[in-house]
Amino acid sequence: MLASVEAAIGSHPAVRSVVAVLLPLEVCPEGDLWVFVVPSDPAGPTPDLALYCSAILDLGDRPLRLRNVPSLPRSRTGCIRRDLVLAGALSGVIASRHPSREEVWNSHQLSRKAQARTI
């Protein structure tokens, strides 16, 4: 599913780079799909990518969160570091809700697991 979302949004001419991450249910019960987009022209108008994506993909009731970012973290070989994107998304969600200690610990453990999978 993530690859099809990335391919659909990445096919838009106003998008230079894109990565999609699915937040774990432990942190976000809705199972939010977050898409981080680097626009081709940061100074240009922002297209309605949510509308564009919904016309191409059938996401059902899954919430789609689109975020424009200036760049995406990359490895030395140029691959997008999905683990760092996910860790950033997790820290943003948790920080916005004033989490308990247990939630902070769980997100730290989830982030470490994501990093371990990519090494």
N, C-alpha and C. Protein backbone atom coordinates (compact mmCIF):
# COMPACT_ATOMS: atom_id res chain seq x y z
N MET A 1 0.82 -1.19 0.00
CA MET A 1 0.00 0.00 0.00
C MET A 1 0.86 1.26 0.00
N LEU A 2 1.92 1.28 0.81
CA LEU A 2 2.77 2.47 0.88
C LEU A 2 3.39 2.78 -0.48
N ALA A 3 3.83 1.74 -1.17
CA ALA A 3 4.47 1.94 -2.47
C ALA A 3 3.47 2.51 -3.48
N SER A 4 2.22 2.07 -3.43
CA SER A 4 1.23 2.60 -4.39
C SER A 4 0.89 4.05 -4.08
N VAL A 5 0.84 4.41 -2.80
CA VAL A 5 0.60 5.81 -2.43
C VAL A 5 1.76 6.68 -2.89
N GLU A 6 2.99 6.20 -2.64
CA GLU A 6 4.17 6.96 -3.05
C GLU A 6 4.23 7.12 -4.56
N ALA A 7 3.89 6.05 -5.29
CA ALA A 7 3.91 6.12 -6.76
C ALA A 7 2.85 7.08 -7.27
N ALA A 8 1.67 7.06 -6.67
CA ALA A 8 0.58 7.94 -7.13
C ALA A 8 0.93 9.40 -6.89
N ILE A 9 1.37 9.71 -5.68
CA ILE A 9 1.69 11.11 -5.37
C ILE A 9 2.97 11.53 -6.09
N GLY A 10 3.92 10.62 -6.20
CA GLY A 10 5.17 10.93 -6.90
C GLY A 10 4.98 11.19 -8.38
N SER A 11 3.86 10.73 -8.94
CA SER A 11 3.60 10.96 -10.37
C SER A 11 3.11 12.38 -10.64
N HIS A 12 2.76 13.12 -9.61
CA HIS A 12 2.30 14.50 -9.79
C HIS A 12 3.49 15.37 -10.18
N PRO A 13 3.33 16.23 -11.17
CA PRO A 13 4.46 17.05 -11.63
C PRO A 13 4.99 18.04 -10.59
N ALA A 14 4.20 18.36 -9.57
CA ALA A 14 4.66 19.32 -8.57
C ALA A 14 5.42 18.66 -7.42
N VAL A 15 5.66 17.34 -7.52
CA VAL A 15 6.31 16.60 -6.44
C VAL A 15 7.69 16.14 -6.89
N ARG A 16 8.72 16.52 -6.09
CA ARG A 16 10.08 16.06 -6.38
C ARG A 16 10.36 14.73 -5.72
N SER A 17 9.94 14.59 -4.46
CA SER A 17 10.24 13.38 -3.70
C SER A 17 9.10 13.14 -2.71
N VAL A 18 8.86 11.86 -2.40
CA VAL A 18 7.76 11.52 -1.51
C VAL A 18 8.10 10.26 -0.72
N VAL A 19 7.61 10.19 0.51
CA VAL A 19 7.71 8.96 1.31
C VAL A 19 6.44 8.86 2.15
N ALA A 20 5.91 7.64 2.26
CA ALA A 20 4.71 7.39 3.05
C ALA A 20 5.06 6.47 4.21
N VAL A 21 4.51 6.77 5.38
CA VAL A 21 4.71 5.91 6.56
C VAL A 21 3.35 5.68 7.21
N LEU A 22 3.20 4.51 7.76
CA LEU A 22 1.97 4.14 8.47
C LEU A 22 2.29 4.14 9.96
N LEU A 23 1.60 4.99 10.71
CA LEU A 23 1.85 5.06 12.14
C LEU A 23 1.30 3.82 12.83
N PRO A 24 2.04 3.28 13.80
CA PRO A 24 1.57 2.07 14.51
C PRO A 24 0.27 2.33 15.25
N LEU A 25 -0.56 1.31 15.34
CA LEU A 25 -1.84 1.42 16.03
C LEU A 25 -1.68 1.75 17.51
N GLU A 26 -0.53 1.38 18.10
CA GLU A 26 -0.31 1.66 19.51
C GLU A 26 -0.24 3.16 19.77
N VAL A 27 0.20 3.92 18.78
CA VAL A 27 0.37 5.36 18.93
C VAL A 27 -0.82 6.11 18.36
N CYS A 28 -1.31 5.65 17.24
CA CYS A 28 -2.38 6.34 16.54
C CYS A 28 -3.47 5.31 16.19
N PRO A 29 -4.50 5.16 17.02
CA PRO A 29 -5.49 4.11 16.84
C PRO A 29 -6.17 4.11 15.47
N GLU A 30 -6.20 5.27 14.81
CA GLU A 30 -6.84 5.32 13.50
C GLU A 30 -5.97 4.69 12.42
N GLY A 31 -4.70 4.42 12.73
CA GLY A 31 -3.79 3.86 11.74
C GLY A 31 -3.48 4.85 10.64
N ASP A 32 -3.20 6.08 11.05
CA ASP A 32 -2.98 7.16 10.08
C ASP A 32 -1.86 6.86 9.11
N LEU A 33 -2.09 7.22 7.87
CA LEU A 33 -1.10 7.14 6.82
C LEU A 33 -0.55 8.56 6.63
N TRP A 34 0.73 8.74 6.88
CA TRP A 34 1.36 10.04 6.72
C TRP A 34 2.21 10.03 5.47
N VAL A 35 2.08 11.08 4.69
CA VAL A 35 2.84 11.21 3.46
C VAL A 35 3.62 12.52 3.53
N PHE A 36 4.94 12.41 3.40
CA PHE A 36 5.82 13.58 3.43
C PHE A 36 6.26 13.87 2.00
N VAL A 37 6.04 15.10 1.57
CA VAL A 37 6.26 15.49 0.18
C VAL A 37 7.26 16.63 0.11
N VAL A 38 8.24 16.47 -0.78
CA VAL A 38 9.16 17.56 -1.11
C VAL A 38 8.68 18.12 -2.45
N PRO A 39 8.17 19.37 -2.44
CA PRO A 39 7.68 19.93 -3.70
C PRO A 39 8.80 20.24 -4.68
N SER A 40 8.52 20.17 -5.99
CA SER A 40 9.54 20.51 -6.99
C SER A 40 9.90 21.98 -6.92
N ASP A 41 8.90 22.82 -6.66
CA ASP A 41 9.14 24.26 -6.54
C ASP A 41 8.58 24.72 -5.20
N PRO A 42 9.44 24.83 -4.18
CA PRO A 42 8.94 25.20 -2.85
C PRO A 42 8.24 26.56 -2.82
N ALA A 43 8.62 27.45 -3.73
CA ALA A 43 8.01 28.78 -3.76
C ALA A 43 6.71 28.80 -4.56
N GLY A 44 6.46 27.76 -5.32
CA GLY A 44 5.28 27.71 -6.18
C GLY A 44 4.02 27.38 -5.40
N PRO A 45 2.89 27.37 -6.10
CA PRO A 45 1.62 27.03 -5.44
C PRO A 45 1.60 25.56 -5.03
N THR A 46 0.95 25.29 -3.92
CA THR A 46 0.85 23.92 -3.42
C THR A 46 -0.40 23.27 -4.02
N PRO A 47 -0.23 22.18 -4.77
CA PRO A 47 -1.41 21.52 -5.35
C PRO A 47 -2.18 20.77 -4.27
N ASP A 48 -3.44 20.49 -4.55
CA ASP A 48 -4.26 19.72 -3.62
C ASP A 48 -3.96 18.24 -3.83
N LEU A 49 -2.90 17.77 -3.17
CA LEU A 49 -2.47 16.39 -3.37
C LEU A 49 -3.43 15.39 -2.75
N ALA A 50 -4.16 15.79 -1.71
CA ALA A 50 -5.14 14.88 -1.10
C ALA A 50 -6.24 14.55 -2.10
N LEU A 51 -6.71 15.56 -2.82
CA LEU A 51 -7.72 15.35 -3.83
C LEU A 51 -7.16 14.51 -4.98
N TYR A 52 -5.94 14.83 -5.39
CA TYR A 52 -5.26 14.10 -6.46
C TYR A 52 -5.11 12.62 -6.07
N CYS A 53 -4.70 12.37 -4.84
CA CYS A 53 -4.48 11.01 -4.35
C CYS A 53 -5.80 10.24 -4.24
N SER A 54 -6.83 10.91 -3.74
CA SER A 54 -8.12 10.21 -3.58
C SER A 54 -8.74 9.87 -4.93
N ALA A 55 -8.41 10.64 -5.97
CA ALA A 55 -8.93 10.33 -7.30
C ALA A 55 -8.25 9.10 -7.90
N ILE A 56 -7.01 8.84 -7.49
CA ILE A 56 -6.24 7.73 -8.05
C ILE A 56 -6.33 6.47 -7.19
N LEU A 57 -6.30 6.64 -5.87
CA LEU A 57 -6.23 5.50 -4.95
C LEU A 57 -7.52 5.31 -4.17
N ASP A 58 -7.78 4.08 -3.78
CA ASP A 58 -8.89 3.78 -2.89
C ASP A 58 -8.31 3.49 -1.51
N LEU A 59 -8.33 4.50 -0.64
CA LEU A 59 -7.78 4.33 0.70
C LEU A 59 -8.85 3.95 1.72
N GLY A 60 -10.10 3.88 1.30
CA GLY A 60 -11.16 3.54 2.23
C GLY A 60 -11.34 4.65 3.25
N ASP A 61 -11.47 4.28 4.52
CA ASP A 61 -11.66 5.26 5.60
C ASP A 61 -10.35 5.67 6.25
N ARG A 62 -9.26 5.19 5.73
CA ARG A 62 -7.96 5.49 6.37
C ARG A 62 -7.63 6.97 6.22
N PRO A 63 -7.37 7.65 7.35
CA PRO A 63 -7.01 9.07 7.26
C PRO A 63 -5.66 9.24 6.56
N LEU A 64 -5.58 10.24 5.71
CA LEU A 64 -4.35 10.53 4.98
C LEU A 64 -3.86 11.90 5.43
N ARG A 65 -2.65 11.96 5.95
CA ARG A 65 -2.06 13.22 6.41
C ARG A 65 -0.91 13.57 5.47
N LEU A 66 -1.03 14.69 4.80
CA LEU A 66 0.02 15.15 3.89
C LEU A 66 0.80 16.28 4.54
N ARG A 67 2.11 16.20 4.47
CA ARG A 67 2.97 17.25 5.03
C ARG A 67 4.01 17.63 3.98
N ASN A 68 4.11 18.92 3.68
CA ASN A 68 5.19 19.40 2.82
C ASN A 68 6.42 19.59 3.68
N VAL A 69 7.55 19.11 3.22
CA VAL A 69 8.81 19.25 3.93
C VAL A 69 9.87 19.74 2.95
N PRO A 70 10.89 20.44 3.45
CA PRO A 70 11.93 20.94 2.54
C PRO A 70 12.82 19.84 1.99
N SER A 71 13.01 18.76 2.76
CA SER A 71 13.84 17.65 2.31
C SER A 71 13.49 16.41 3.12
N LEU A 72 14.00 15.28 2.66
CA LEU A 72 13.81 14.01 3.37
C LEU A 72 15.17 13.46 3.76
N PRO A 73 15.27 12.80 4.94
CA PRO A 73 16.55 12.25 5.34
C PRO A 73 16.97 11.11 4.42
N ARG A 74 18.22 11.12 4.03
CA ARG A 74 18.73 10.11 3.10
C ARG A 74 19.99 9.46 3.65
N SER A 75 20.21 8.24 3.21
CA SER A 75 21.43 7.51 3.59
C SER A 75 22.58 7.99 2.72
N ARG A 76 23.76 7.47 2.98
CA ARG A 76 24.92 7.83 2.15
C ARG A 76 24.75 7.42 0.70
N THR A 77 23.93 6.40 0.46
CA THR A 77 23.71 5.94 -0.91
C THR A 77 22.55 6.66 -1.59
N GLY A 78 21.89 7.56 -0.88
CA GLY A 78 20.80 8.34 -1.47
C GLY A 78 19.41 7.80 -1.23
N CYS A 79 19.30 6.67 -0.52
CA CYS A 79 17.98 6.10 -0.23
C CYS A 79 17.32 6.89 0.90
N ILE A 80 16.00 7.03 0.81
CA ILE A 80 15.26 7.73 1.86
C ILE A 80 15.28 6.88 3.13
N ARG A 81 15.60 7.50 4.25
CA ARG A 81 15.63 6.81 5.55
C ARG A 81 14.24 6.82 6.15
N ARG A 82 13.43 5.83 5.76
CA ARG A 82 12.06 5.72 6.23
C ARG A 82 11.99 5.62 7.76
N ASP A 83 12.99 4.97 8.37
CA ASP A 83 13.00 4.84 9.83
C ASP A 83 13.07 6.21 10.50
N LEU A 84 13.85 7.13 9.95
CA LEU A 84 13.96 8.47 10.54
C LEU A 84 12.69 9.29 10.28
N VAL A 85 12.08 9.08 9.14
CA VAL A 85 10.82 9.76 8.85
C VAL A 85 9.75 9.28 9.83
N LEU A 86 9.68 7.98 10.04
CA LEU A 86 8.71 7.42 10.99
C LEU A 86 8.98 7.92 12.40
N ALA A 87 10.23 7.95 12.81
CA ALA A 87 10.58 8.45 14.15
C ALA A 87 10.15 9.90 14.31
N GLY A 88 10.36 10.71 13.27
CA GLY A 88 9.94 12.11 13.32
C GLY A 88 8.43 12.25 13.41
N ALA A 89 7.71 11.44 12.65
CA ALA A 89 6.25 11.47 12.69
C ALA A 89 5.75 11.04 14.07
N LEU A 90 6.35 9.99 14.62
CA LEU A 90 5.95 9.51 15.95
C LEU A 90 6.18 10.58 17.01
N SER A 91 7.33 11.23 16.97
CA SER A 91 7.62 12.24 17.98
C SER A 91 6.67 13.42 17.85
N GLY A 92 6.26 13.77 16.62
CA GLY A 92 5.31 14.86 16.43
C GLY A 92 3.93 14.53 16.97
N VAL A 93 3.47 13.31 16.74
CA VAL A 93 2.15 12.90 17.23
C VAL A 93 2.14 12.85 18.74
N ILE A 94 3.17 12.28 19.32
CA ILE A 94 3.22 12.14 20.76
C ILE A 94 3.35 13.50 21.44
N ALA A 95 4.18 14.38 20.89
CA ALA A 95 4.38 15.70 21.48
C ALA A 95 3.10 16.52 21.45
N SER A 96 2.28 16.34 20.44
CA SER A 96 1.06 17.13 20.32
C SER A 96 -0.03 16.70 21.31
N ARG A 97 0.14 15.53 21.95
CA ARG A 97 -0.90 15.02 22.85
C ARG A 97 -0.49 15.02 24.32
N HIS A 98 0.66 15.52 24.67
CA HIS A 98 1.17 15.46 26.04
C HIS A 98 1.11 14.02 26.56
N PRO A 99 2.01 13.20 26.09
CA PRO A 99 1.94 11.76 26.36
C PRO A 99 2.32 11.39 27.79
N SER A 100 1.92 10.19 28.14
CA SER A 100 2.37 9.63 29.41
C SER A 100 3.79 9.10 29.24
N ARG A 101 4.44 8.79 30.33
CA ARG A 101 5.79 8.21 30.25
C ARG A 101 5.80 6.90 29.47
N GLU A 102 4.75 6.12 29.67
CA GLU A 102 4.66 4.83 28.99
C GLU A 102 4.59 5.02 27.47
N GLU A 103 3.83 6.01 27.01
CA GLU A 103 3.73 6.28 25.58
C GLU A 103 5.07 6.72 24.99
N VAL A 104 5.78 7.55 25.74
CA VAL A 104 7.10 7.99 25.27
C VAL A 104 8.03 6.80 25.16
N TRP A 105 8.02 5.94 26.17
CA TRP A 105 8.87 4.76 26.15
C TRP A 105 8.50 3.85 24.99
N ASN A 106 7.20 3.62 24.79
CA ASN A 106 6.76 2.75 23.69
C ASN A 106 7.17 3.31 22.34
N SER A 107 7.05 4.62 22.14
CA SER A 107 7.43 5.19 20.85
C SER A 107 8.93 5.08 20.65
N HIS A 108 9.70 5.20 21.74
CA HIS A 108 11.15 5.04 21.64
C HIS A 108 11.48 3.61 21.22
N GLN A 109 10.80 2.65 21.81
CA GLN A 109 11.04 1.25 21.46
C GLN A 109 10.63 0.96 20.01
N LEU A 110 9.50 1.52 19.56
CA LEU A 110 9.06 1.34 18.17
C LEU A 110 10.07 1.95 17.21
N SER A 111 10.59 3.11 17.57
CA SER A 111 11.59 3.77 16.72
C SER A 111 12.86 2.93 16.63
N ARG A 112 13.29 2.36 17.76
CA ARG A 112 14.49 1.51 17.76
C ARG A 112 14.26 0.26 16.91
N LYS A 113 13.05 -0.31 16.97
CA LYS A 113 12.75 -1.49 16.15
C LYS A 113 12.80 -1.13 14.67
N ALA A 114 12.27 0.04 14.31
CA ALA A 114 12.28 0.48 12.91
C ALA A 114 13.72 0.67 12.44
N GLN A 115 14.56 1.23 13.29
CA GLN A 115 15.97 1.43 12.92
C GLN A 115 16.68 0.10 12.77
N ALA A 116 16.37 -0.85 13.64
CA ALA A 116 17.02 -2.15 13.59
C ALA A 116 16.64 -2.91 12.32
N ARG A 117 15.41 -2.71 11.85
CA ARG A 117 14.98 -3.38 10.62
C ARG A 117 15.70 -2.86 9.39
N THR A 118 16.13 -1.59 9.42
CA THR A 118 16.75 -1.01 8.22
C THR A 118 18.26 -1.20 8.19
N ILE A 119 18.83 -1.66 9.29
CA ILE A 119 20.30 -1.83 9.33
C ILE A 119 20.67 -3.17 8.76
